[in-house]
């Protein structure tokens, strides 16, 4: 099982990783001559989840002041969107030919892309949050440096009111 960097990433990616694992198992079973089940409904659910993820990602980009996030998040969003399209195409192809090898390949590529793209999105967001925390900590340290000049109770009162 992959190692995730934060509990948030783990909690989001673990279910995705499990679903990708199930698709890999279905793919392997199909290579043994079994027909692929109808995936139209599960793929639709995944597509809707990806659409929602991309909407939230776009809003995050729009409201963020972090230039690195604004640079790194759009390619990850595109990766997830394109991968979801591959899943939809694979599902349609498998609907007409449950033994289609190209469809199974698209299914695996789409699943992998969604997993990797989602991971990249979450890492980008987490890195942005870390930069924000570091910036705030630096501000606090600068503010605390001012306390060195506090010598009297009146100075302390003035410092705390600021």
N, C-alpha and C. Protein backbone atom coordinates (compact mmCIF):
# COMPACT_ATOMS: atom_id res chain seq x y z
N UNK A 1 0.85 -1.18 0.00
CA UNK A 1 0.00 0.00 0.00
C UNK A 1 0.89 1.24 0.00
N UNK A 2 0.53 2.28 -0.77
CA UNK A 2 1.35 3.49 -0.84
C UNK A 2 1.42 4.21 0.50
N UNK A 3 2.50 4.94 0.67
CA UNK A 3 2.68 5.74 1.88
C UNK A 3 2.20 7.16 1.58
N UNK A 4 1.31 7.68 2.42
CA UNK A 4 0.77 9.01 2.22
C UNK A 4 1.43 9.97 3.21
N UNK A 5 1.48 11.23 2.88
CA UNK A 5 2.22 12.22 3.65
C UNK A 5 1.45 12.78 4.84
N UNK A 6 0.13 12.88 4.73
CA UNK A 6 -0.66 13.42 5.83
C UNK A 6 -1.89 12.55 6.03
N UNK A 7 -2.53 12.71 7.19
CA UNK A 7 -3.76 11.96 7.48
C UNK A 7 -4.87 12.36 6.50
N UNK A 8 -4.92 13.64 6.13
CA UNK A 8 -5.94 14.10 5.19
C UNK A 8 -5.77 13.41 3.85
N UNK A 9 -4.56 13.40 3.36
CA UNK A 9 -4.30 12.76 2.07
C UNK A 9 -4.61 11.27 2.16
N UNK A 10 -4.19 10.65 3.24
CA UNK A 10 -4.45 9.22 3.41
C UNK A 10 -5.94 8.94 3.43
N UNK A 11 -6.70 9.75 4.15
CA UNK A 11 -8.14 9.49 4.27
C UNK A 11 -8.86 9.67 2.93
N UNK A 12 -8.35 10.54 2.08
CA UNK A 12 -8.97 10.76 0.77
C UNK A 12 -8.49 9.74 -0.26
N UNK A 13 -7.19 9.46 -0.24
CA UNK A 13 -6.64 8.58 -1.28
C UNK A 13 -6.85 7.09 -1.01
N UNK A 14 -6.97 6.70 0.24
CA UNK A 14 -7.11 5.28 0.55
C UNK A 14 -8.32 4.65 -0.17
N UNK A 15 -9.52 5.28 -0.09
CA UNK A 15 -10.65 4.70 -0.83
C UNK A 15 -10.43 4.69 -2.34
N UNK A 16 -9.78 5.72 -2.86
CA UNK A 16 -9.49 5.77 -4.30
C UNK A 16 -8.54 4.63 -4.66
N UNK A 17 -7.52 4.44 -3.85
CA UNK A 17 -6.55 3.37 -4.09
C UNK A 17 -7.23 1.99 -4.05
N UNK A 18 -8.18 1.83 -3.15
CA UNK A 18 -8.90 0.56 -3.08
C UNK A 18 -9.72 0.31 -4.34
N UNK A 19 -10.37 1.37 -4.84
CA UNK A 19 -11.16 1.22 -6.06
C UNK A 19 -10.26 0.92 -7.27
N UNK A 20 -9.11 1.56 -7.32
CA UNK A 20 -8.17 1.29 -8.40
C UNK A 20 -7.70 -0.17 -8.31
N UNK A 21 -7.46 -0.64 -7.12
CA UNK A 21 -7.05 -2.05 -6.93
C UNK A 21 -8.13 -2.99 -7.44
N UNK A 22 -9.39 -2.67 -7.17
CA UNK A 22 -10.50 -3.50 -7.66
C UNK A 22 -10.52 -3.52 -9.19
N UNK A 23 -10.28 -2.35 -9.80
CA UNK A 23 -10.26 -2.30 -11.27
C UNK A 23 -9.10 -3.12 -11.83
N UNK A 24 -7.97 -3.09 -11.15
CA UNK A 24 -6.83 -3.89 -11.60
C UNK A 24 -7.17 -5.38 -11.52
N UNK A 25 -7.86 -5.79 -10.46
CA UNK A 25 -8.27 -7.19 -10.33
C UNK A 25 -9.24 -7.57 -11.45
N UNK A 26 -10.22 -6.68 -11.72
CA UNK A 26 -11.15 -6.95 -12.82
C UNK A 26 -10.40 -7.06 -14.15
N UNK A 27 -9.41 -6.19 -14.33
CA UNK A 27 -8.61 -6.20 -15.55
C UNK A 27 -7.87 -7.54 -15.68
N UNK A 28 -7.26 -7.99 -14.58
CA UNK A 28 -6.53 -9.26 -14.61
C UNK A 28 -7.47 -10.44 -14.88
N UNK A 29 -8.65 -10.40 -14.27
CA UNK A 29 -9.63 -11.46 -14.52
C UNK A 29 -10.07 -11.46 -15.98
N UNK A 30 -10.20 -10.27 -16.56
CA UNK A 30 -10.59 -10.17 -17.97
C UNK A 30 -9.49 -10.72 -18.87
N UNK A 31 -8.25 -10.55 -18.46
CA UNK A 31 -7.15 -11.11 -19.25
C UNK A 31 -7.17 -12.63 -19.23
N UNK A 32 -7.79 -13.20 -18.19
CA UNK A 32 -7.93 -14.66 -18.10
C UNK A 32 -9.14 -15.15 -18.89
N UNK A 33 -9.80 -14.25 -19.61
CA UNK A 33 -10.92 -14.64 -20.46
C UNK A 33 -12.28 -14.28 -19.90
N UNK A 34 -12.34 -13.68 -18.73
CA UNK A 34 -13.63 -13.27 -18.16
C UNK A 34 -14.07 -11.94 -18.77
N UNK A 35 -15.37 -11.79 -18.87
CA UNK A 35 -15.88 -10.54 -19.42
C UNK A 35 -15.94 -9.49 -18.32
N UNK A 36 -15.72 -8.23 -18.73
CA UNK A 36 -15.77 -7.13 -17.78
C UNK A 36 -17.23 -6.83 -17.44
N UNK A 37 -17.53 -6.57 -16.18
CA UNK A 37 -18.91 -6.22 -15.82
C UNK A 37 -19.26 -4.83 -16.34
N UNK A 38 -20.54 -4.50 -16.29
CA UNK A 38 -20.99 -3.17 -16.71
C UNK A 38 -20.49 -2.15 -15.69
N UNK A 39 -19.70 -1.21 -16.14
CA UNK A 39 -19.09 -0.22 -15.25
C UNK A 39 -19.71 1.17 -15.42
N UNK A 40 -20.79 1.26 -16.19
CA UNK A 40 -21.38 2.57 -16.49
C UNK A 40 -21.73 3.35 -15.22
N UNK A 41 -22.41 2.70 -14.30
CA UNK A 41 -22.85 3.40 -13.08
C UNK A 41 -21.66 3.79 -12.18
N UNK A 42 -20.75 2.85 -11.87
CA UNK A 42 -19.61 3.26 -11.03
C UNK A 42 -18.75 4.34 -11.69
N UNK A 43 -18.58 4.27 -13.00
CA UNK A 43 -17.79 5.28 -13.70
C UNK A 43 -18.49 6.64 -13.64
N UNK A 44 -19.82 6.64 -13.73
CA UNK A 44 -20.58 7.90 -13.61
C UNK A 44 -20.36 8.52 -12.23
N UNK A 45 -20.36 7.70 -11.20
CA UNK A 45 -20.13 8.19 -9.84
C UNK A 45 -18.73 8.78 -9.73
N UNK A 46 -17.75 8.09 -10.29
CA UNK A 46 -16.37 8.59 -10.27
C UNK A 46 -16.29 9.90 -11.03
N UNK A 47 -16.92 9.98 -12.18
CA UNK A 47 -16.91 11.19 -13.01
C UNK A 47 -17.51 12.36 -12.24
N UNK A 48 -18.61 12.13 -11.54
CA UNK A 48 -19.23 13.19 -10.75
C UNK A 48 -18.31 13.64 -9.62
N UNK A 49 -17.65 12.69 -8.98
CA UNK A 49 -16.71 13.03 -7.90
C UNK A 49 -15.53 13.84 -8.45
N UNK A 50 -15.04 13.45 -9.63
CA UNK A 50 -13.94 14.19 -10.26
C UNK A 50 -14.40 15.60 -10.63
N UNK A 51 -15.60 15.72 -11.17
CA UNK A 51 -16.12 17.04 -11.52
C UNK A 51 -16.18 17.93 -10.29
N UNK A 52 -16.65 17.37 -9.17
CA UNK A 52 -16.73 18.14 -7.93
C UNK A 52 -15.33 18.51 -7.43
N UNK A 53 -14.41 17.56 -7.48
CA UNK A 53 -13.03 17.81 -7.07
C UNK A 53 -12.42 18.94 -7.90
N UNK A 54 -12.65 18.92 -9.19
CA UNK A 54 -12.11 19.95 -10.08
C UNK A 54 -12.74 21.31 -9.81
N UNK A 55 -14.03 21.32 -9.50
CA UNK A 55 -14.71 22.57 -9.17
C UNK A 55 -14.08 23.17 -7.90
N UNK A 56 -13.89 22.34 -6.88
CA UNK A 56 -13.28 22.81 -5.63
C UNK A 56 -11.84 23.26 -5.90
N UNK A 57 -11.13 22.53 -6.75
CA UNK A 57 -9.76 22.91 -7.09
C UNK A 57 -9.70 24.27 -7.78
N UNK A 58 -10.61 24.50 -8.72
CA UNK A 58 -10.66 25.79 -9.42
C UNK A 58 -10.98 26.93 -8.45
N UNK A 59 -11.91 26.69 -7.53
CA UNK A 59 -12.24 27.70 -6.53
C UNK A 59 -11.04 27.98 -5.62
N UNK A 60 -10.32 26.94 -5.26
CA UNK A 60 -9.13 27.09 -4.43
C UNK A 60 -8.10 27.95 -5.14
N UNK A 61 -7.88 27.68 -6.41
CA UNK A 61 -6.93 28.46 -7.21
C UNK A 61 -7.38 29.93 -7.24
N UNK A 62 -8.65 30.13 -7.50
CA UNK A 62 -9.19 31.49 -7.65
C UNK A 62 -9.04 32.31 -6.36
N UNK A 63 -9.23 31.67 -5.20
CA UNK A 63 -9.22 32.39 -3.92
C UNK A 63 -7.85 32.42 -3.26
N UNK A 64 -6.87 31.76 -3.83
CA UNK A 64 -5.56 31.68 -3.19
C UNK A 64 -4.64 32.80 -3.65
N UNK A 65 -3.77 33.23 -2.74
CA UNK A 65 -2.72 34.20 -3.08
C UNK A 65 -1.40 33.48 -3.34
N UNK A 66 -1.37 32.18 -3.16
CA UNK A 66 -0.15 31.38 -3.28
C UNK A 66 0.16 31.13 -4.76
N UNK A 67 1.21 31.77 -5.25
CA UNK A 67 1.56 31.66 -6.67
C UNK A 67 2.02 30.25 -7.05
N UNK A 68 2.65 29.57 -6.11
CA UNK A 68 3.10 28.20 -6.40
C UNK A 68 1.89 27.29 -6.57
N UNK A 69 0.90 27.43 -5.71
CA UNK A 69 -0.34 26.66 -5.84
C UNK A 69 -1.01 26.97 -7.18
N UNK A 70 -1.07 28.25 -7.54
CA UNK A 70 -1.70 28.65 -8.81
C UNK A 70 -0.96 28.07 -10.01
N UNK A 71 0.32 27.79 -9.85
CA UNK A 71 1.12 27.21 -10.93
C UNK A 71 0.99 25.68 -10.95
N UNK A 72 1.00 25.04 -9.78
CA UNK A 72 1.06 23.58 -9.71
C UNK A 72 -0.29 22.88 -9.78
N UNK A 73 -1.35 23.55 -9.36
CA UNK A 73 -2.64 22.86 -9.29
C UNK A 73 -3.31 22.65 -10.66
N UNK A 74 -3.28 23.60 -11.58
CA UNK A 74 -3.97 23.37 -12.86
C UNK A 74 -3.53 22.11 -13.63
N UNK A 75 -2.22 21.79 -13.71
CA UNK A 75 -1.87 20.55 -14.41
C UNK A 75 -2.43 19.30 -13.72
N UNK A 76 -2.47 19.31 -12.40
CA UNK A 76 -3.03 18.17 -11.68
C UNK A 76 -4.54 18.06 -11.94
N UNK A 77 -5.21 19.20 -12.00
CA UNK A 77 -6.65 19.20 -12.31
C UNK A 77 -6.90 18.64 -13.71
N UNK A 78 -6.07 19.08 -14.67
CA UNK A 78 -6.22 18.57 -16.05
C UNK A 78 -6.00 17.07 -16.08
N UNK A 79 -5.01 16.60 -15.33
CA UNK A 79 -4.71 15.16 -15.31
C UNK A 79 -5.91 14.37 -14.81
N UNK A 80 -6.54 14.84 -13.75
CA UNK A 80 -7.69 14.15 -13.18
C UNK A 80 -8.87 14.18 -14.16
N UNK A 81 -9.11 15.34 -14.77
CA UNK A 81 -10.21 15.46 -15.73
C UNK A 81 -10.02 14.54 -16.94
N UNK A 82 -8.81 14.55 -17.49
CA UNK A 82 -8.52 13.70 -18.66
C UNK A 82 -8.64 12.22 -18.30
N UNK A 83 -8.22 11.88 -17.11
CA UNK A 83 -8.29 10.49 -16.67
C UNK A 83 -9.74 10.05 -16.49
N UNK A 84 -10.57 10.94 -15.99
CA UNK A 84 -12.00 10.61 -15.85
C UNK A 84 -12.63 10.38 -17.23
N UNK A 85 -12.20 11.17 -18.21
CA UNK A 85 -12.70 10.98 -19.58
C UNK A 85 -12.29 9.60 -20.11
N UNK A 86 -11.06 9.18 -19.78
CA UNK A 86 -10.62 7.84 -20.19
C UNK A 86 -11.51 6.77 -19.59
N UNK A 87 -11.89 6.95 -18.33
CA UNK A 87 -12.78 5.97 -17.69
C UNK A 87 -14.12 5.91 -18.40
N UNK A 88 -14.66 7.07 -18.74
CA UNK A 88 -15.96 7.12 -19.43
C UNK A 88 -15.84 6.43 -20.79
N UNK A 89 -14.77 6.74 -21.53
CA UNK A 89 -14.56 6.08 -22.83
C UNK A 89 -14.43 4.57 -22.67
N UNK A 90 -13.68 4.15 -21.67
CA UNK A 90 -13.49 2.71 -21.43
C UNK A 90 -14.81 2.04 -21.12
N UNK A 91 -15.61 2.69 -20.29
CA UNK A 91 -16.92 2.14 -19.92
C UNK A 91 -17.81 1.98 -21.15
N UNK A 92 -17.80 2.99 -22.01
CA UNK A 92 -18.61 2.92 -23.23
C UNK A 92 -18.12 1.81 -24.15
N UNK A 93 -16.80 1.70 -24.28
CA UNK A 93 -16.24 0.65 -25.13
C UNK A 93 -16.55 -0.73 -24.58
N UNK A 94 -16.47 -0.87 -23.26
CA UNK A 94 -16.76 -2.17 -22.63
C UNK A 94 -18.24 -2.50 -22.70
N UNK A 95 -19.08 -1.47 -22.78
CA UNK A 95 -20.51 -1.70 -22.94
C UNK A 95 -20.84 -2.40 -24.24
N UNK A 96 -20.08 -2.08 -25.28
CA UNK A 96 -20.33 -2.72 -26.57
C UNK A 96 -19.47 -3.97 -26.77
N UNK A 97 -18.32 -4.05 -26.08
CA UNK A 97 -17.47 -5.24 -26.16
C UNK A 97 -16.81 -5.49 -24.80
N UNK A 98 -17.43 -6.35 -23.98
CA UNK A 98 -16.93 -6.60 -22.63
C UNK A 98 -15.54 -7.26 -22.58
N UNK A 99 -15.03 -7.66 -23.72
CA UNK A 99 -13.70 -8.29 -23.76
C UNK A 99 -12.64 -7.38 -24.38
N UNK A 100 -12.98 -6.13 -24.66
CA UNK A 100 -12.10 -5.20 -25.36
C UNK A 100 -10.81 -4.92 -24.56
N UNK A 101 -9.68 -5.30 -25.16
CA UNK A 101 -8.38 -5.04 -24.53
C UNK A 101 -8.05 -3.54 -24.51
N UNK A 102 -8.30 -2.79 -25.60
CA UNK A 102 -8.04 -1.34 -25.55
C UNK A 102 -8.88 -0.64 -24.48
N UNK A 103 -10.11 -1.11 -24.29
CA UNK A 103 -10.97 -0.51 -23.26
C UNK A 103 -10.41 -0.78 -21.87
N UNK A 104 -9.93 -2.00 -21.67
CA UNK A 104 -9.34 -2.34 -20.36
C UNK A 104 -8.09 -1.49 -20.11
N UNK A 105 -7.32 -1.27 -21.17
CA UNK A 105 -6.12 -0.45 -21.03
C UNK A 105 -6.50 0.99 -20.64
N UNK A 106 -7.53 1.54 -21.30
CA UNK A 106 -7.99 2.89 -20.95
C UNK A 106 -8.50 2.94 -19.52
N UNK A 107 -9.15 1.86 -19.11
CA UNK A 107 -9.67 1.79 -17.76
C UNK A 107 -8.55 1.88 -16.73
N UNK A 108 -7.49 1.15 -16.96
CA UNK A 108 -6.34 1.16 -16.05
C UNK A 108 -5.64 2.53 -16.10
N UNK A 109 -5.43 3.06 -17.30
CA UNK A 109 -4.78 4.37 -17.43
C UNK A 109 -5.60 5.46 -16.75
N UNK A 110 -6.91 5.42 -16.94
CA UNK A 110 -7.78 6.41 -16.31
C UNK A 110 -7.76 6.30 -14.79
N UNK A 111 -7.81 5.09 -14.30
CA UNK A 111 -7.78 4.88 -12.85
C UNK A 111 -6.47 5.35 -12.25
N UNK A 112 -5.39 4.98 -12.90
CA UNK A 112 -4.06 5.42 -12.43
C UNK A 112 -3.94 6.94 -12.45
N UNK A 113 -4.42 7.54 -13.52
CA UNK A 113 -4.35 9.00 -13.65
C UNK A 113 -5.17 9.73 -12.60
N UNK A 114 -6.34 9.18 -12.27
CA UNK A 114 -7.17 9.79 -11.23
C UNK A 114 -6.45 9.69 -9.89
N UNK A 115 -5.88 8.54 -9.60
CA UNK A 115 -5.16 8.36 -8.34
C UNK A 115 -3.95 9.29 -8.25
N UNK A 116 -3.15 9.33 -9.30
CA UNK A 116 -1.95 10.17 -9.28
C UNK A 116 -2.31 11.66 -9.31
N UNK A 117 -3.30 12.02 -10.09
CA UNK A 117 -3.71 13.42 -10.17
C UNK A 117 -4.31 13.91 -8.86
N UNK A 118 -5.13 13.08 -8.23
CA UNK A 118 -5.72 13.45 -6.94
C UNK A 118 -4.63 13.59 -5.89
N UNK A 119 -3.68 12.68 -5.93
CA UNK A 119 -2.54 12.76 -5.00
C UNK A 119 -1.78 14.07 -5.21
N UNK A 120 -1.53 14.43 -6.47
CA UNK A 120 -0.81 15.67 -6.78
C UNK A 120 -1.61 16.90 -6.31
N UNK A 121 -2.93 16.86 -6.50
CA UNK A 121 -3.77 17.97 -6.04
C UNK A 121 -3.67 18.14 -4.53
N UNK A 122 -3.79 17.04 -3.82
CA UNK A 122 -3.77 17.10 -2.36
C UNK A 122 -2.40 17.53 -1.85
N UNK A 123 -1.35 17.03 -2.47
CA UNK A 123 0.00 17.46 -2.06
C UNK A 123 0.22 18.94 -2.32
N UNK A 124 -0.25 19.42 -3.44
CA UNK A 124 -0.13 20.84 -3.77
C UNK A 124 -0.86 21.69 -2.73
N UNK A 125 -2.07 21.26 -2.38
CA UNK A 125 -2.83 22.01 -1.38
C UNK A 125 -2.14 21.95 -0.02
N UNK A 126 -1.69 20.78 0.38
CA UNK A 126 -1.00 20.65 1.67
C UNK A 126 0.26 21.50 1.72
N UNK A 127 1.03 21.50 0.64
CA UNK A 127 2.24 22.32 0.60
C UNK A 127 1.90 23.80 0.73
N UNK A 128 0.81 24.22 0.12
CA UNK A 128 0.36 25.60 0.24
C UNK A 128 -0.01 25.92 1.69
N UNK A 129 -0.69 25.00 2.33
CA UNK A 129 -1.06 25.20 3.74
C UNK A 129 0.18 25.29 4.62
N UNK A 130 1.19 24.48 4.34
CA UNK A 130 2.44 24.52 5.10
C UNK A 130 3.12 25.87 4.90
N UNK A 131 3.14 26.36 3.65
CA UNK A 131 3.74 27.68 3.41
C UNK A 131 2.99 28.76 4.18
N UNK A 132 1.68 28.64 4.23
CA UNK A 132 0.86 29.62 4.98
C UNK A 132 1.21 29.56 6.48
N UNK A 133 1.33 28.37 7.03
CA UNK A 133 1.67 28.20 8.45
C UNK A 133 3.05 28.79 8.73
N UNK A 134 3.99 28.52 7.86
CA UNK A 134 5.36 29.06 8.04
C UNK A 134 5.34 30.59 8.01
N UNK A 135 4.58 31.16 7.08
CA UNK A 135 4.49 32.61 6.97
C UNK A 135 3.90 33.21 8.26
N UNK A 136 2.86 32.58 8.79
CA UNK A 136 2.24 33.07 10.03
C UNK A 136 3.21 32.93 11.20
N UNK A 137 3.93 31.82 11.27
CA UNK A 137 4.91 31.62 12.35
C UNK A 137 6.00 32.69 12.30
N UNK A 138 6.45 33.01 11.09
CA UNK A 138 7.47 34.07 10.95
C UNK A 138 6.93 35.40 11.46
N UNK A 139 5.66 35.70 11.15
CA UNK A 139 5.05 36.93 11.63
C UNK A 139 4.98 36.95 13.15
N UNK A 140 4.63 35.83 13.74
CA UNK A 140 4.56 35.73 15.20
C UNK A 140 5.94 35.93 15.80
N UNK A 141 6.96 35.32 15.20
CA UNK A 141 8.33 35.49 15.71
C UNK A 141 8.77 36.95 15.64
N UNK A 142 8.43 37.62 14.55
CA UNK A 142 8.76 39.04 14.42
C UNK A 142 8.03 39.86 15.49
N UNK A 143 6.79 39.51 15.72
CA UNK A 143 6.00 40.21 16.72
C UNK A 143 6.56 39.96 18.12
N UNK A 144 6.96 38.74 18.37
CA UNK A 144 7.53 38.42 19.69
C UNK A 144 8.86 39.13 19.92
N UNK A 145 9.59 39.40 18.86
CA UNK A 145 10.86 40.11 19.01
C UNK A 145 10.64 41.49 19.62
N UNK A 146 9.49 42.06 19.37
CA UNK A 146 9.15 43.37 19.93
C UNK A 146 9.05 43.30 21.45
N UNK A 147 8.70 42.14 21.98
CA UNK A 147 8.54 42.01 23.43
C UNK A 147 9.84 42.24 24.19
N UNK A 148 10.94 42.14 23.49
CA UNK A 148 12.23 42.36 24.15
C UNK A 148 12.37 43.78 24.69
N UNK A 149 11.62 44.71 24.13
CA UNK A 149 11.70 46.10 24.60
C UNK A 149 10.73 46.38 25.74
N UNK A 150 9.87 45.43 26.06
CA UNK A 150 8.91 45.61 27.15
C UNK A 150 9.67 45.51 28.47
N UNK A 151 9.62 46.63 29.22
CA UNK A 151 10.33 46.66 30.50
C UNK A 151 9.41 46.94 31.67
N UNK A 152 8.29 47.59 31.39
CA UNK A 152 7.37 47.93 32.48
C UNK A 152 6.00 47.35 32.19
N UNK A 153 5.15 47.39 33.23
CA UNK A 153 3.78 46.91 33.06
C UNK A 153 3.04 47.77 32.06
N UNK A 154 3.32 49.04 32.00
CA UNK A 154 2.65 49.94 31.04
C UNK A 154 3.06 49.60 29.61
N UNK A 155 4.33 49.25 29.43
CA UNK A 155 4.80 48.82 28.10
C UNK A 155 4.08 47.52 27.69
N UNK A 156 3.91 46.61 28.65
CA UNK A 156 3.22 45.34 28.37
C UNK A 156 1.78 45.59 27.96
N UNK A 157 1.10 46.47 28.67
CA UNK A 157 -0.29 46.81 28.34
C UNK A 157 -0.36 47.38 26.92
N UNK A 158 0.54 48.28 26.61
CA UNK A 158 0.57 48.88 25.27
C UNK A 158 0.83 47.79 24.22
N UNK A 159 1.77 46.89 24.52
CA UNK A 159 2.11 45.80 23.57
C UNK A 159 0.92 44.88 23.35
N UNK A 160 0.22 44.50 24.40
CA UNK A 160 -0.90 43.57 24.29
C UNK A 160 -2.07 44.20 23.57
N UNK A 161 -2.29 45.50 23.75
CA UNK A 161 -3.40 46.18 23.07
C UNK A 161 -3.19 46.25 21.56
N UNK A 162 -1.94 46.29 21.15
CA UNK A 162 -1.63 46.39 19.72
C UNK A 162 -2.02 45.10 19.09
